[in-house]
Protein backbone atom coordinates (compact mmCIF):
# COMPACT_ATOMS: atom_id res chain seq x y z
CA MET A 1 11.96 -2.28 11.57
CA THR A 2 15.29 -3.13 10.04
CA LEU A 3 16.16 -2.72 6.73
CA HIS A 4 18.36 -5.48 4.80
CA ALA A 5 20.07 -5.55 1.93
CA PRO A 6 18.94 -7.22 -1.23
CA THR A 7 19.66 -10.62 -1.23
CA GLN A 8 22.33 -11.55 -3.71
CA SER A 9 25.61 -13.53 -3.22
CA THR A 10 29.09 -12.21 -3.83
CA THR A 11 29.14 -14.17 -6.87
CA GLY A 12 26.23 -11.71 -8.74
CA SER A 13 23.67 -14.32 -8.16
CA ILE A 14 20.05 -13.80 -6.94
CA VAL A 15 17.22 -16.02 -5.76
CA VAL A 16 13.89 -15.81 -7.71
CA ALA A 17 10.79 -16.71 -6.57
CA CYS A 18 7.71 -17.13 -8.39
CA ILE A 19 4.54 -17.43 -6.03
CA GLN A 20 1.89 -19.67 -7.31
CA MET A 21 -1.45 -18.80 -5.41
CA GLN A 22 -4.94 -19.18 -5.66
CA PRO A 23 -6.54 -15.35 -4.59
CA ALA A 24 -10.61 -15.82 -3.30
CA PHE A 25 -12.48 -13.52 -5.56
CA GLY A 26 -13.39 -10.04 -4.12
CA ASP A 27 -11.70 -10.50 -0.46
CA VAL A 28 -8.83 -8.03 -1.17
CA SER A 29 -7.54 -8.11 2.43
CA ALA A 30 -7.23 -12.01 2.68
CA ASN A 31 -5.58 -12.30 -0.69
CA VAL A 32 -3.14 -9.32 0.74
CA ALA A 33 -2.51 -11.06 3.59
CA HIS A 34 -2.10 -14.64 2.25
CA SER A 35 0.77 -12.77 -0.28
CA LEU A 36 2.36 -11.64 2.61
CA GLU A 37 2.51 -14.93 3.83
CA LEU A 38 4.11 -16.51 0.67
CA ILE A 39 6.44 -13.66 0.49
CA ASP A 40 7.80 -14.37 3.92
CA GLN A 41 7.93 -17.80 3.09
CA ALA A 42 9.94 -17.02 -0.19
CA ALA A 43 12.15 -14.68 1.78
CA ALA A 44 13.06 -17.48 4.31
CA ARG A 45 14.33 -19.38 1.22
CA ASP A 46 16.63 -16.34 0.38
CA ALA A 47 14.51 -14.71 -2.40
CA GLY A 48 15.65 -11.48 -3.42
CA LEU A 49 13.18 -11.01 -6.48
CA VAL A 50 9.64 -12.04 -5.90
CA VAL A 51 6.91 -12.46 -8.48
CA LEU A 52 3.26 -12.44 -7.69
CA PRO A 53 0.18 -13.33 -10.12
CA GLU A 54 -2.10 -11.26 -12.08
CA LEU A 55 -4.46 -9.86 -10.38
CA ALA A 56 -3.17 -10.79 -7.00
CA ASN A 57 -5.01 -8.85 -4.89
CA THR A 58 -8.63 -9.07 -6.23
CA GLY A 59 -9.13 -12.19 -8.37
CA TYR A 60 -9.88 -12.15 -12.04
CA MET A 61 -13.59 -13.01 -13.18
CA PHE A 62 -15.26 -9.70 -12.84
CA ALA A 63 -18.77 -9.59 -13.56
CA SER A 64 -19.11 -6.04 -14.44
CA ARG A 65 -16.95 -2.86 -14.68
CA GLU A 66 -18.59 -1.77 -11.53
CA GLU A 67 -17.37 -4.67 -9.63
CA ALA A 68 -14.05 -4.07 -10.89
CA PHE A 69 -13.78 -0.38 -10.13
CA ARG A 70 -14.99 -1.35 -6.52
CA LEU A 71 -12.31 -3.61 -5.77
CA ALA A 72 -9.41 -1.56 -7.57
CA GLU A 73 -6.90 1.10 -5.80
CA GLU A 74 -4.80 3.90 -6.44
CA ILE A 75 -0.85 3.43 -6.98
CA PRO A 76 1.03 3.57 -5.25
CA GLY A 77 -1.22 4.93 -2.30
CA GLY A 78 -3.76 1.99 -2.08
CA PRO A 79 -3.60 -0.11 1.07
CA THR A 80 -2.43 -3.23 -1.17
CA VAL A 81 0.77 -1.36 -2.50
CA VAL A 82 1.47 -0.18 0.92
CA ALA A 83 1.33 -3.50 2.41
CA TRP A 84 3.41 -4.93 -0.14
CA ALA A 85 5.95 -2.48 0.07
CA GLU A 86 6.23 -2.59 3.92
CA ARG A 87 7.17 -6.40 3.39
CA ALA A 88 9.67 -5.80 0.57
CA ALA A 89 11.35 -3.39 2.72
CA ARG A 90 11.08 -5.81 5.86
CA HIS A 91 12.92 -8.75 3.83
CA GLY A 92 15.17 -6.44 1.41
CA LEU A 93 13.90 -7.89 -1.72
CA HIS A 94 12.08 -6.69 -4.91
CA LEU A 95 8.83 -7.43 -5.70
CA VAL A 96 6.62 -7.43 -9.32
CA ALA A 97 2.93 -8.06 -8.48
CA GLY A 98 -0.24 -7.98 -10.33
CA ILE A 99 -3.10 -5.41 -9.12
CA THR A 100 -6.48 -4.19 -10.21
CA GLU A 101 -5.34 -0.19 -10.56
CA ARG A 102 -7.92 2.53 -10.53
CA SER A 103 -6.60 6.07 -12.14
CA GLY A 104 -9.37 8.61 -12.12
CA SER A 105 -12.49 7.06 -13.51
CA ASP A 106 -9.88 4.32 -15.70
CA LEU A 107 -9.07 0.84 -14.84
CA TYR A 108 -6.04 -0.89 -15.56
CA ASN A 109 -4.84 -4.62 -15.13
CA SER A 110 -1.41 -3.68 -13.89
CA ALA A 111 1.70 -4.74 -11.94
CA VAL A 112 3.94 -2.84 -9.30
CA VAL A 113 7.50 -2.79 -9.09
CA ILE A 114 8.54 -2.35 -5.42
CA GLY A 115 12.09 -2.45 -4.17
CA PRO A 116 13.41 -2.53 -0.15
CA GLU A 117 12.97 1.96 -0.37
CA GLY A 118 9.86 1.30 -1.68
CA TYR A 119 7.52 2.01 -4.86
CA ILE A 120 9.34 2.11 -8.21
CA GLY A 121 6.99 1.87 -10.88
CA THR A 122 3.70 0.62 -12.87
CA PHE A 123 3.32 -1.76 -15.88
CA ARG A 124 -0.01 -1.68 -17.42
CA LYS A 125 -1.02 -4.53 -19.42
CA VAL A 126 -0.76 -3.62 -23.01
CA HIS A 127 -2.67 -6.51 -24.95
CA LEU A 128 -6.20 -7.14 -23.00
CA TRP A 129 -7.53 -10.77 -23.06
CA ASN A 130 -11.19 -11.40 -23.82
CA GLU A 131 -13.77 -9.59 -21.58
CA GLU A 132 -10.81 -7.63 -20.33
CA ASN A 133 -11.69 -5.16 -22.87
CA LEU A 134 -15.08 -4.85 -20.95
CA PHE A 135 -13.32 -3.40 -17.59
CA PHE A 136 -9.84 -2.25 -18.60
CA GLU A 137 -8.08 0.59 -20.69
CA PRO A 138 -5.28 -0.74 -22.44
CA GLY A 139 -2.02 0.10 -21.16
CA ASN A 140 -0.42 3.23 -21.95
CA LEU A 141 2.91 3.33 -20.54
CA GLY A 142 4.58 1.08 -22.97
CA PHE A 143 7.27 -1.34 -21.83
CA PRO A 144 9.28 0.35 -19.46
CA VAL A 145 12.53 -1.31 -18.16
CA PHE A 146 13.30 -0.73 -14.53
CA HIS A 147 16.83 -0.51 -13.52
CA THR A 148 17.46 -1.31 -9.70
CA ALA A 149 20.02 -2.31 -7.64
CA ILE A 150 19.60 -6.42 -8.59
CA GLY A 151 19.54 -5.61 -12.29
CA ARG A 152 17.31 -4.37 -15.52
CA ILE A 153 13.79 -5.48 -15.00
CA GLY A 154 11.04 -5.68 -17.46
CA VAL A 155 7.50 -6.54 -16.91
CA ALA A 156 4.68 -8.17 -19.13
CA ILE A 157 1.05 -9.68 -18.16
CA CYS A 158 -0.13 -12.95 -19.61
CA TYR A 159 -1.54 -12.17 -22.91
CA ASP A 160 1.35 -9.85 -23.51
CA GLY A 161 3.43 -12.81 -23.36
CA TRP A 162 1.83 -13.80 -26.80
CA PHE A 163 3.31 -10.67 -28.84
CA PRO A 164 6.99 -11.28 -29.63
CA GLU A 165 7.48 -7.34 -29.52
CA THR A 166 7.04 -7.41 -25.81
CA TYR A 167 9.84 -9.45 -25.08
CA ARG A 168 11.97 -7.61 -27.73
CA LEU A 169 11.19 -4.23 -26.76
CA CYS A 170 12.34 -4.99 -23.03
CA ALA A 171 15.52 -6.75 -24.48
CA LEU A 172 16.31 -3.87 -26.78
CA GLN A 173 15.87 -1.52 -23.45
CA GLY A 174 18.74 -3.52 -21.34
CA ALA A 175 16.58 -5.97 -19.90
CA ASP A 176 18.12 -8.90 -17.71
CA ILE A 177 14.85 -10.43 -16.59
CA VAL A 178 11.33 -9.97 -17.79
CA CYS A 179 8.73 -10.91 -14.60
CA VAL A 180 5.36 -12.22 -15.75
CA PRO A 181 2.28 -11.97 -13.47
CA THR A 182 -0.35 -14.01 -15.32
CA ASN A 183 -3.65 -15.94 -15.07
CA TRP A 184 -2.90 -18.54 -17.98
CA VAL A 185 -6.03 -20.23 -18.83
CA PRO A 186 -6.50 -23.72 -21.05
CA ILE A 187 -5.85 -22.87 -24.86
CA PRO A 188 -7.96 -24.57 -27.45
CA GLY A 189 -6.40 -27.85 -28.85
CA GLN A 190 -4.12 -28.12 -25.97
CA VAL A 191 -4.04 -32.11 -25.36
CA GLU A 192 -4.87 -33.47 -21.96
CA GLY A 193 -1.42 -33.72 -19.59
CA ARG A 194 0.56 -31.19 -22.64
CA GLU A 195 2.62 -28.30 -20.74
CA ALA A 196 0.69 -24.63 -21.29
CA MET A 197 1.19 -23.02 -24.50
CA ALA A 198 2.61 -20.28 -21.97
CA ASN A 199 5.71 -22.36 -20.93
CA ILE A 200 6.70 -22.88 -24.97
CA LEU A 201 6.27 -19.15 -25.79
CA ALA A 202 8.24 -18.14 -22.58
CA MET A 203 11.10 -20.54 -23.45
CA ALA A 204 10.95 -19.26 -27.19
CA ALA A 205 11.10 -15.69 -26.07
CA ALA A 206 13.95 -16.08 -23.41
CA HIS A 207 16.17 -17.75 -25.85
CA SER A 208 15.72 -15.83 -28.76
CA ASN A 209 16.31 -12.59 -26.74
CA SER A 210 18.60 -13.84 -24.26
CA ILE A 211 16.81 -12.89 -21.41
CA PHE A 212 15.39 -14.65 -18.15
CA ILE A 213 11.85 -15.02 -17.94
CA ALA A 214 9.98 -15.67 -14.67
CA CYS A 215 6.26 -16.18 -14.92
CA ALA A 216 3.99 -16.29 -11.98
CA ASP A 217 0.53 -18.02 -12.31
CA ARG A 218 -2.45 -18.76 -10.50
CA VAL A 219 -4.33 -21.70 -9.56
CA GLY A 220 -7.90 -22.72 -8.89
CA ILE A 221 -11.23 -22.66 -10.20
CA GLU A 222 -13.01 -19.26 -10.13
CA ARG A 223 -16.31 -18.47 -11.31
CA GLY A 224 -16.26 -21.67 -13.85
CA GLN A 225 -13.11 -20.53 -15.26
CA LEU A 226 -9.82 -22.95 -14.56
CA PHE A 227 -6.68 -21.45 -14.44
CA GLU A 228 -3.40 -23.67 -15.66
CA GLY A 229 -0.77 -23.23 -12.88
CA GLN A 230 2.20 -24.16 -14.04
CA SER A 231 4.40 -21.31 -13.16
CA LEU A 232 8.03 -21.41 -14.13
CA ILE A 233 11.51 -19.77 -14.44
CA VAL A 234 13.45 -19.54 -17.95
CA SER A 235 17.18 -18.92 -18.34
CA TYR A 236 18.52 -16.77 -20.74
CA THR A 237 19.26 -20.08 -22.79
CA GLY A 238 15.37 -20.70 -23.05
CA TRP A 239 15.71 -23.87 -20.55
CA PRO A 240 13.31 -23.69 -17.24
CA VAL A 241 15.75 -23.55 -14.15
CA ALA A 242 12.74 -23.95 -12.06
CA GLY A 243 9.19 -25.59 -13.03
CA PRO A 244 6.97 -25.75 -14.39
CA GLY A 245 4.88 -25.84 -11.25
CA SER A 246 2.00 -27.71 -10.15
CA ARG A 247 -1.38 -27.30 -12.46
CA ASP A 248 -3.72 -27.31 -9.38
CA ALA A 249 -1.75 -26.55 -6.21
CA GLU A 250 -0.35 -23.40 -4.53
CA ASP A 251 3.59 -23.27 -5.22
CA ILE A 252 6.63 -21.39 -4.43
CA LEU A 253 9.57 -21.91 -7.52
CA ILE A 254 12.74 -21.05 -6.61
CA ALA A 255 15.98 -20.73 -8.84
CA GLU A 256 19.43 -18.64 -8.20
CA VAL A 257 20.46 -17.22 -11.22
CA ASP A 258 23.20 -14.35 -12.40
CA LEU A 259 20.78 -11.77 -14.10
CA GLY A 260 24.28 -10.35 -15.65
CA GLU A 261 24.62 -13.66 -17.87
CA ALA A 262 21.71 -12.60 -19.79
CA ARG A 263 23.80 -9.74 -21.57
CA ARG A 264 26.97 -11.41 -21.08
CA LYS A 265 25.86 -14.50 -22.91
CA ARG A 266 24.27 -12.77 -26.15
CA ASN A 267 27.34 -13.54 -28.16
CA TRP A 268 26.37 -17.17 -29.06
CA ASN A 269 29.41 -17.68 -31.06
CA ALA A 270 32.39 -15.63 -32.62
CA PHE A 271 30.04 -14.54 -35.45
CA ASN A 272 26.26 -13.98 -33.92
CA GLN A 273 24.58 -11.75 -31.30
CA VAL A 274 21.11 -12.24 -31.33
CA LEU A 275 20.02 -8.46 -30.88
CA ARG A 276 22.89 -7.15 -33.13
CA ASP A 277 22.07 -9.75 -35.76
CA ARG A 278 18.49 -8.31 -36.44
CA ARG A 279 18.39 -7.21 -40.07
CA SER A 280 16.49 -3.95 -39.49
CA ASP A 281 17.24 -2.60 -43.11
CA VAL A 282 14.96 -5.39 -44.48
CA TYR A 283 12.69 -5.05 -41.92
CA ASP A 284 9.16 -2.94 -41.86
CA GLU A 285 10.19 0.49 -40.89
CA MET A 286 8.19 0.17 -38.13
CA LEU A 287 9.71 -2.94 -36.65
CA GLY A 288 13.25 -2.41 -37.67
CA SER A 289 13.42 1.46 -36.26
CA SER A 290 11.24 1.78 -33.49
CA LEU A 291 14.16 1.40 -31.06
CA LYS A 292 17.49 2.33 -32.33
CA ARG A 293 19.00 3.48 -29.02
CA GLY A 294 19.05 -0.43 -27.72
CA TRP A 295 21.46 -1.46 -25.05
CA TYR A 296 23.38 -4.75 -26.57
């Protein structure tokens, strides 16, 4: 097997791909095989960073904890991560992908970060949505930022994106991009044809923290639950550079970005820098002092 260097241009830019797919509930082998086909397609378009949806290997609508436990895998030794790592090595790319994780007797809604040389780390969803609370433990790893050859990568999963602290904590640790495996569902009050609320939240967070955000959603109806699609890639400016994707079809969103711009452009003018301007002296102590050692 030949290992290729990460796909990155001489100008410092990299191609980011968000894969919007429809898992078949419970058919892990078929889901992983399909994800590998889609990763191959993204790599053929020069992707150097690929994001897959939340729980991409199992599907989302568990009927019981026992069902979730049966479908879960250990990280990094389980077959799903092994298959994803092989494909990342083959194409010389980085991958962020949602997976149902088993750790001892505990279950987590997790995402793995994988590079050309193998497994890098795990993020566990911090804010659990609805009946996830019946199956999963709340994430206990915080919001790590992974330093990689292509840049500093933060991770969030779905409902984590509703909390400004998610993106702020990643930005304060120097994240250039936050990758978001997600399974968005319609929000009450959403007008027919209106963009997903999550799109608006991602755009606002990217702008207010000067970070790229890459959201890979799923599509389809699973056990009666409709999913939103509308994956997107947002610039540090807050404006989308790819998407939103389709509401009901599989899609691969592609954008060439310079991740370093996220930090270079945080100085908005001669006076204002969005992280430096925080008035931690007037914020609640917990909000103002939790990460004094931030990267600016």
